[in-house]
Amino acid sequence: MRAVKVWDLPMRLFHWALVLSILVAWTTQHFSLMDLHIWAGESILTLVLFRVFWGFVGSDTARFRTFLHRPAVALRHLAGPWRREPDLQAGHNPAGGWMVLAMLALLGLQAGTGLFSNDDGDAEGPLMHLIRKSQSNTLSHLHSLTFVAIEAAIATHVLAIGVYAAVKRQNLVWPMIGGTKRLPPETEPPRIAGPVRALATFAVAVAAVAWLVRL
């Protein structure tokens, strides 16, 4: 086995920045710090947009076409979670790929509805003025429900990491910190995109969200 770089720095920064932003969004909502809550929501939307763009132009392991398999393949992967076996997957496994897609969809819906939400008090989403109050109330309710689904997805994700560590002896956390994974010598290293492309992609995501919230 040899160390192979599987996750680029932009992907790792995205992952941990998203964790932090979700934590800030959850905390500020519970303590009614709505200005910071809105900032956290806009940060999440920016990160989600970056990840979607990076899924088409980024490194091999970040691209949707490399880790989104047919649902039947993901189900077969989930059918054997108790088998102890080496981790030979350079990027996301078949089930993890669909979890990524589900999480991006939920976070996109959460951040998107937050733009139009209100709390019947002083806090309003930056785009609430574009719709009627009744429509904003509906989206506010959906905003709350979506976060419950996100909490469930996060719990499932953490549980899966624990199962893989305890049963399969596979550490899924370290590669997302250090970027490398020990794989067989014959494994072809994935192509890693350069930092200039990542910065340009992130700049596009920032500009898109900045334009959106200032409509």
C-alpha atoms as a PDB file:
ATOM      1  CA  MET A   1       0.000   0.000   0.000  1.00  0.00           C
ATOM      2  CA  ARG A   2       1.200   3.532  -0.713  1.00  0.00           C
ATOM      3  CA  ALA A   3      -0.016   7.018   0.111  1.00  0.00           C
ATOM      4  CA  VAL A   4      -2.064   8.506  -2.735  1.00  0.00           C
ATOM      5  CA  LYS A   5      -3.415  12.048  -2.785  1.00  0.00           C
ATOM      6  CA  VAL A   6      -7.164  11.674  -3.244  1.00  0.00           C
ATOM      7  CA  TRP A   7      -8.649  14.975  -1.976  1.00  0.00           C
ATOM      8  CA  ASP A   8      -7.443  18.361  -3.145  1.00  0.00           C
ATOM      9  CA  LEU A   9      -7.086  21.287  -0.748  1.00  0.00           C
ATOM     10  CA  PRO A  10     -10.204  23.122  -2.046  1.00  0.00           C
ATOM     11  CA  MET A  11     -12.355  20.049  -1.335  1.00  0.00           C
ATOM     12  CA  ARG A  12     -10.976  19.728   2.179  1.00  0.00           C
ATOM     13  CA  LEU A  13     -11.423  23.441   2.897  1.00  0.00           C
ATOM     14  CA  PHE A  14     -14.951  23.257   1.516  1.00  0.00           C
ATOM     15  CA  HIS A  15     -15.815  20.309   3.747  1.00  0.00           C
ATOM     16  CA  TRP A  16     -14.639  21.840   7.019  1.00  0.00           C
ATOM     17  CA  ALA A  17     -15.889  25.339   6.158  1.00  0.00           C
ATOM     18  CA  LEU A  18     -19.305  23.795   5.539  1.00  0.00           C
ATOM     19  CA  VAL A  19     -19.210  22.025   8.907  1.00  0.00           C
ATOM     20  CA  LEU A  20     -18.365  25.322  10.607  1.00  0.00           C
ATOM     21  CA  SER A  21     -21.029  27.275   8.708  1.00  0.00           C
ATOM     22  CA  ILE A  22     -23.760  24.753   9.585  1.00  0.00           C
ATOM     23  CA  LEU A  23     -22.712  24.894  13.235  1.00  0.00           C
ATOM     24  CA  VAL A  24     -22.843  28.702  13.176  1.00  0.00           C
ATOM     25  CA  ALA A  25     -26.264  28.637  11.488  1.00  0.00           C
ATOM     26  CA  TRP A  26     -27.627  26.221  14.095  1.00  0.00           C
ATOM     27  CA  THR A  27     -26.174  28.184  17.033  1.00  0.00           C
ATOM     28  CA  THR A  28     -27.271  31.617  15.856  1.00  0.00           C
ATOM     29  CA  GLN A  29     -30.805  30.385  15.205  1.00  0.00           C
ATOM     30  CA  HIS A  30     -31.114  29.011  18.731  1.00  0.00           C
ATOM     31  CA  PHE A  31     -29.788  32.235  20.284  1.00  0.00           C
ATOM     32  CA  SER A  32     -31.750  34.521  17.916  1.00  0.00           C
ATOM     33  CA  LEU A  33     -28.621  36.111  16.443  1.00  0.00           C
ATOM     34  CA  MET A  34     -30.332  36.560  13.132  1.00  0.00           C
ATOM     35  CA  ASP A  35     -27.837  38.880  11.444  1.00  0.00           C
ATOM     36  CA  LEU A  36     -25.149  36.237  11.940  1.00  0.00           C
ATOM     37  CA  HIS A  37     -27.634  33.534  10.994  1.00  0.00           C
ATOM     38  CA  ILE A  38     -28.284  35.187   7.635  1.00  0.00           C
ATOM     39  CA  TRP A  39     -24.529  35.567   7.091  1.00  0.00           C
ATOM     40  CA  ALA A  40     -24.062  31.864   7.848  1.00  0.00           C
ATOM     41  CA  GLY A  41     -26.838  30.969   5.403  1.00  0.00           C
ATOM     42  CA  GLU A  42     -25.249  33.022   2.643  1.00  0.00           C
ATOM     43  CA  SER A  43     -21.920  31.335   3.382  1.00  0.00           C
ATOM     44  CA  ILE A  44     -23.554  27.915   3.086  1.00  0.00           C
ATOM     45  CA  LEU A  45     -25.146  28.882  -0.222  1.00  0.00           C
ATOM     46  CA  THR A  46     -21.760  30.077  -1.524  1.00  0.00           C
ATOM     47  CA  LEU A  47     -20.088  26.836  -0.472  1.00  0.00           C
ATOM     48  CA  VAL A  48     -22.835  24.717  -2.034  1.00  0.00           C
ATOM     49  CA  LEU A  49     -22.548  26.613  -5.321  1.00  0.00           C
ATOM     50  CA  PHE A  50     -18.782  26.185  -5.270  1.00  0.00           C
ATOM     51  CA  ARG A  51     -19.158  22.444  -4.669  1.00  0.00           C
ATOM     52  CA  VAL A  52     -21.638  22.094  -7.526  1.00  0.00           C
ATOM     53  CA  PHE A  53     -19.317  23.953  -9.904  1.00  0.00           C
ATOM     54  CA  TRP A  54     -16.317  21.974  -8.611  1.00  0.00           C
ATOM     55  CA  GLY A  55     -18.263  18.812  -9.324  1.00  0.00           C
ATOM     56  CA  PHE A  56     -17.887  19.596 -13.025  1.00  0.00           C
ATOM     57  CA  VAL A  57     -14.492  21.315 -13.299  1.00  0.00           C
ATOM     58  CA  GLY A  58     -12.566  20.110 -10.236  1.00  0.00           C
ATOM     59  CA  SER A  59     -10.302  17.178  -9.456  1.00  0.00           C
ATOM     60  CA  ASP A  60     -11.274  13.671 -10.513  1.00  0.00           C
ATOM     61  CA  THR A  61     -12.500  12.635  -7.057  1.00  0.00           C
ATOM     62  CA  ALA A  62     -14.660  15.774  -6.833  1.00  0.00           C
ATOM     63  CA  ARG A  63     -16.446  15.287 -10.157  1.00  0.00           C
ATOM     64  CA  PHE A  64     -19.979  13.905 -10.071  1.00  0.00           C
ATOM     65  CA  ARG A  65     -19.355  11.630 -13.033  1.00  0.00           C
ATOM     66  CA  THR A  66     -16.666   9.734 -11.107  1.00  0.00           C
ATOM     67  CA  PHE A  67     -18.622   8.959  -7.936  1.00  0.00           C
ATOM     68  CA  LEU A  68     -22.322   8.960  -8.837  1.00  0.00           C
ATOM     69  CA  HIS A  69     -23.112   5.341  -9.667  1.00  0.00           C
ATOM     70  CA  ARG A  70     -26.437   3.718 -10.480  1.00  0.00           C
ATOM     71  CA  PRO A  71     -28.695   3.376  -7.398  1.00  0.00           C
ATOM     72  CA  ALA A  72     -28.456  -0.425  -7.687  1.00  0.00           C
ATOM     73  CA  VAL A  73     -24.678  -0.197  -7.207  1.00  0.00           C
ATOM     74  CA  ALA A  74     -25.127   1.954  -4.089  1.00  0.00           C
ATOM     75  CA  LEU A  75     -27.692  -0.474  -2.678  1.00  0.00           C
ATOM     76  CA  ARG A  76     -25.350  -3.407  -3.239  1.00  0.00           C
ATOM     77  CA  HIS A  77     -22.639  -1.484  -1.412  1.00  0.00           C
ATOM     78  CA  LEU A  78     -24.972  -0.898   1.540  1.00  0.00           C
ATOM     79  CA  ALA A  79     -25.927  -4.575   1.612  1.00  0.00           C
ATOM     80  CA  GLY A  80     -22.554  -5.545   3.058  1.00  0.00           C
ATOM     81  CA  PRO A  81     -21.674  -2.951   5.730  1.00  0.00           C
ATOM     82  CA  TRP A  82     -20.491  -5.569   8.227  1.00  0.00           C
ATOM     83  CA  ARG A  83     -17.765  -7.094   6.065  1.00  0.00           C
ATOM     84  CA  ARG A  84     -14.258  -6.135   7.102  1.00  0.00           C
ATOM     85  CA  GLU A  85     -12.420  -5.223   3.934  1.00  0.00           C
ATOM     86  CA  PRO A  86      -9.682  -2.815   2.812  1.00  0.00           C
ATOM     87  CA  ASP A  87     -10.649   0.608   1.546  1.00  0.00           C
ATOM     88  CA  LEU A  88      -9.729   0.588  -2.135  1.00  0.00           C
ATOM     89  CA  GLN A  89     -11.904   3.538  -3.178  1.00  0.00           C
ATOM     90  CA  ALA A  90      -9.935   6.629  -4.171  1.00  0.00           C
ATOM     91  CA  GLY A  91     -12.881   8.972  -3.570  1.00  0.00           C
ATOM     92  CA  HIS A  92     -16.458   8.567  -2.388  1.00  0.00           C
ATOM     93  CA  ASN A  93     -17.837   5.041  -2.267  1.00  0.00           C
ATOM     94  CA  PRO A  94     -21.105   4.390  -4.202  1.00  0.00           C
ATOM     95  CA  ALA A  95     -23.324   5.059  -1.175  1.00  0.00           C
ATOM     96  CA  GLY A  96     -21.310   8.075  -0.068  1.00  0.00           C
ATOM     97  CA  GLY A  97     -21.684   9.639  -3.501  1.00  0.00           C
ATOM     98  CA  TRP A  98     -25.455   9.698  -3.185  1.00  0.00           C
ATOM     99  CA  MET A  99     -25.157  11.065   0.340  1.00  0.00           C
ATOM    100  CA  VAL A 100     -23.109  13.960  -1.060  1.00  0.00           C
ATOM    101  CA  LEU A 101     -25.797  14.703  -3.626  1.00  0.00           C
ATOM    102  CA  ALA A 102     -28.582  14.495  -1.027  1.00  0.00           C
ATOM    103  CA  MET A 103     -26.732  16.777   1.367  1.00  0.00           C
ATOM    104  CA  LEU A 104     -26.029  19.371  -1.328  1.00  0.00           C
ATOM    105  CA  ALA A 105     -29.699  19.328  -2.336  1.00  0.00           C
ATOM    106  CA  LEU A 106     -30.874  19.752   1.255  1.00  0.00           C
ATOM    107  CA  LEU A 107     -28.400  22.542   1.984  1.00  0.00           C
ATOM    108  CA  GLY A 108     -29.262  24.292  -1.273  1.00  0.00           C
ATOM    109  CA  LEU A 109     -32.969  24.109  -0.394  1.00  0.00           C
ATOM    110  CA  GLN A 110     -32.266  25.286   3.153  1.00  0.00           C
ATOM    111  CA  ALA A 111     -30.192  28.271   2.076  1.00  0.00           C
ATOM    112  CA  GLY A 112     -32.514  29.066  -0.835  1.00  0.00           C
ATOM    113  CA  THR A 113     -35.679  29.157   1.287  1.00  0.00           C
ATOM    114  CA  GLY A 114     -33.814  31.193   3.900  1.00  0.00           C
ATOM    115  CA  LEU A 115     -33.405  34.000   1.391  1.00  0.00           C
ATOM    116  CA  PHE A 116     -37.190  34.453   1.390  1.00  0.00           C
ATOM    117  CA  SER A 117     -37.936  33.612   5.043  1.00  0.00           C
ATOM    118  CA  ASN A 118     -39.069  35.709   7.990  1.00  0.00           C
ATOM    119  CA  ASP A 119     -39.496  35.096  11.716  1.00  0.00           C
ATOM    120  CA  ASP A 120     -42.510  37.402  12.217  1.00  0.00           C
ATOM    121  CA  GLY A 121     -40.158  39.760  14.007  1.00  0.00           C
ATOM    122  CA  ASP A 122     -37.256  41.897  12.927  1.00  0.00           C
ATOM    123  CA  ALA A 123     -35.447  39.304  10.804  1.00  0.00           C
ATOM    124  CA  GLU A 124     -36.185  38.897   7.112  1.00  0.00           C
ATOM    125  CA  GLY A 125     -34.351  37.100   4.371  1.00  0.00           C
ATOM    126  CA  PRO A 126     -32.677  39.409   1.847  1.00  0.00           C
ATOM    127  CA  LEU A 127     -35.172  38.471  -0.904  1.00  0.00           C
ATOM    128  CA  MET A 128     -38.387  38.439   1.137  1.00  0.00           C
ATOM    129  CA  HIS A 129     -39.470  41.724  -0.460  1.00  0.00           C
ATOM    130  CA  LEU A 130     -39.812  39.942  -3.814  1.00  0.00           C
ATOM    131  CA  ILE A 131     -42.747  37.754  -2.675  1.00  0.00           C
ATOM    132  CA  ARG A 132     -45.949  38.038  -0.635  1.00  0.00           C
ATOM    133  CA  LYS A 133     -45.926  37.587   3.141  1.00  0.00           C
ATOM    134  CA  SER A 134     -48.029  34.428   2.895  1.00  0.00           C
ATOM    135  CA  GLN A 135     -45.527  32.931   0.465  1.00  0.00           C
ATOM    136  CA  SER A 136     -42.680  33.898   2.790  1.00  0.00           C
ATOM    137  CA  ASN A 137     -44.459  32.179   5.688  1.00  0.00           C
ATOM    138  CA  THR A 138     -44.738  28.974   3.645  1.00  0.00           C
ATOM    139  CA  LEU A 139     -41.056  29.091   2.731  1.00  0.00           C
ATOM    140  CA  SER A 140     -40.152  29.838   6.361  1.00  0.00           C
ATOM    141  CA  HIS A 141     -41.951  26.665   7.419  1.00  0.00           C
ATOM    142  CA  LEU A 142     -40.165  24.695   4.707  1.00  0.00           C
ATOM    143  CA  HIS A 143     -36.900  26.271   5.884  1.00  0.00           C
ATOM    144  CA  SER A 144     -37.469  24.845   9.369  1.00  0.00           C
ATOM    145  CA  LEU A 145     -38.476  21.404   8.104  1.00  0.00           C
ATOM    146  CA  THR A 146     -35.461  21.180   5.825  1.00  0.00           C
ATOM    147  CA  PHE A 147     -33.092  21.732   8.710  1.00  0.00           C
ATOM    148  CA  VAL A 148     -34.632  18.764  10.522  1.00  0.00           C
ATOM    149  CA  ALA A 149     -33.834  16.677   7.433  1.00  0.00           C
ATOM    150  CA  ILE A 150     -30.281  18.083   7.420  1.00  0.00           C
ATOM    151  CA  GLU A 151     -29.837  17.089  11.062  1.00  0.00           C
ATOM    152  CA  ALA A 152     -30.974  13.559  10.194  1.00  0.00           C
ATOM    153  CA  ALA A 153     -28.564  13.429   7.242  1.00  0.00           C
ATOM    154  CA  ILE A 154     -25.672  14.628   9.416  1.00  0.00           C
ATOM    155  CA  ALA A 155     -26.483  12.000  12.060  1.00  0.00           C
ATOM    156  CA  THR A 156     -26.571   9.297   9.360  1.00  0.00           C
ATOM    157  CA  HIS A 157     -23.250  10.532   7.971  1.00  0.00           C
ATOM    158  CA  VAL A 158     -21.553  10.470  11.389  1.00  0.00           C
ATOM    159  CA  LEU A 159     -23.015   7.038  12.159  1.00  0.00           C
ATOM    160  CA  ALA A 160     -21.700   5.683   8.842  1.00  0.00           C
ATOM    161  CA  ILE A 161     -18.222   7.024   9.615  1.00  0.00           C
ATOM    162  CA  GLY A 162     -18.361   5.278  12.982  1.00  0.00           C
ATOM    163  CA  VAL A 163     -19.498   1.979  11.453  1.00  0.00           C
ATOM    164  CA  TYR A 164     -16.765   2.067   8.828  1.00  0.00           C
ATOM    165  CA  ALA A 165     -14.159   2.798  11.501  1.00  0.00           C
ATOM    166  CA  ALA A 166     -15.346   0.151  13.988  1.00  0.00           C
ATOM    167  CA  VAL A 167     -16.383  -2.640  11.613  1.00  0.00           C
ATOM    168  CA  LYS A 168     -14.482  -2.207   8.368  1.00  0.00           C
ATOM    169  CA  ARG A 169     -11.425  -0.587   9.990  1.00  0.00           C
ATOM    170  CA  GLN A 170     -11.606   2.206   7.427  1.00  0.00           C
ATOM    171  CA  ASN A 171     -10.721   5.742   8.495  1.00  0.00           C
ATOM    172  CA  LEU A 172     -12.837   8.103   6.394  1.00  0.00           C
ATOM    173  CA  VAL A 173     -11.944  11.228   8.374  1.00  0.00           C
ATOM    174  CA  TRP A 174      -8.168  11.422   7.975  1.00  0.00           C
ATOM    175  CA  PRO A 175      -8.183  11.591   4.136  1.00  0.00           C
ATOM    176  CA  MET A 176     -10.454  14.645   4.396  1.00  0.00           C
ATOM    177  CA  ILE A 177      -7.860  16.238   6.701  1.00  0.00           C
ATOM    178  CA  GLY A 178      -4.551  15.237   5.176  1.00  0.00           C
ATOM    179  CA  GLY A 179      -5.760  14.593   1.636  1.00  0.00           C
ATOM    180  CA  THR A 180      -4.068  11.197   1.251  1.00  0.00           C
ATOM    181  CA  LYS A 181      -5.199   7.592   1.524  1.00  0.00           C
ATOM    182  CA  ARG A 182      -3.195   4.362   1.505  1.00  0.00           C
ATOM    183  CA  LEU A 183      -4.104   2.424  -1.622  1.00  0.00           C
ATOM    184  CA  PRO A 184      -2.613  -0.482  -3.608  1.00  0.00           C
ATOM    185  CA  PRO A 185       0.517   0.421  -5.617  1.00  0.00           C
ATOM    186  CA  GLU A 186      -1.249  -0.197  -8.926  1.00  0.00           C
ATOM    187  CA  THR A 187      -3.913   2.422  -8.150  1.00  0.00           C
ATOM    188  CA  GLU A 188      -3.794   5.258 -10.651  1.00  0.00           C
ATOM    189  CA  PRO A 189      -3.684   8.575  -8.750  1.00  0.00           C
ATOM    190  CA  PRO A 190      -6.631  10.859  -9.519  1.00  0.00           C
ATOM    191  CA  ARG A 191      -5.952  14.038 -11.446  1.00  0.00           C
ATOM    192  CA  ILE A 192      -5.799  16.993  -9.046  1.00  0.00           C
ATOM    193  CA  ALA A 193      -6.987  20.400 -10.275  1.00  0.00           C
ATOM    194  CA  GLY A 194      -4.804  23.431  -9.641  1.00  0.00           C
ATOM    195  CA  PRO A 195      -5.400  26.263  -7.142  1.00  0.00           C
ATOM    196  CA  VAL A 196      -6.012  28.901  -9.827  1.00  0.00           C
ATOM    197  CA  ARG A 197      -9.020  26.978 -11.120  1.00  0.00           C
ATOM    198  CA  ALA A 198     -10.299  26.560  -7.562  1.00  0.00           C
ATOM    199  CA  LEU A 199      -9.962  30.269  -6.790  1.00  0.00           C
ATOM    200  CA  ALA A 200     -11.716  31.197 -10.027  1.00  0.00           C
ATOM    201  CA  THR A 201     -14.536  28.762  -9.274  1.00  0.00           C
ATOM    202  CA  PHE A 202     -14.933  30.101  -5.750  1.00  0.00           C
ATOM    203  CA  ALA A 203     -14.930  33.687  -7.055  1.00  0.00           C
ATOM    204  CA  VAL A 204     -17.800  32.820  -9.404  1.00  0.00           C
ATOM    205  CA  ALA A 205     -19.774  31.325  -6.503  1.00  0.00           C
ATOM    206  CA  VAL A 206     -19.138  34.398  -4.330  1.00  0.00           C
ATOM    207  CA  ALA A 207     -20.156  36.750  -7.135  1.00  0.00           C
ATOM    208  CA  ALA A 208     -23.334  34.768  -7.834  1.00  0.00           C
ATOM    209  CA  VAL A 209     -24.483  34.877  -4.214  1.00  0.00           C
ATOM    210  CA  ALA A 210     -23.481  38.542  -3.812  1.00  0.00           C
ATOM    211  CA  TRP A 211     -25.552  39.430  -6.880  1.00  0.00           C
ATOM    212  CA  LEU A 212     -28.477  37.311  -5.688  1.00  0.00           C
ATOM    213  CA  VAL A 213     -28.792  38.756  -2.199  1.00  0.00           C
ATOM    214  CA  ARG A 214     -28.619  42.312  -3.536  1.00  0.00           C
ATOM    215  CA  LEU A 215     -31.500  41.952  -5.967  1.00  0.00           C
END
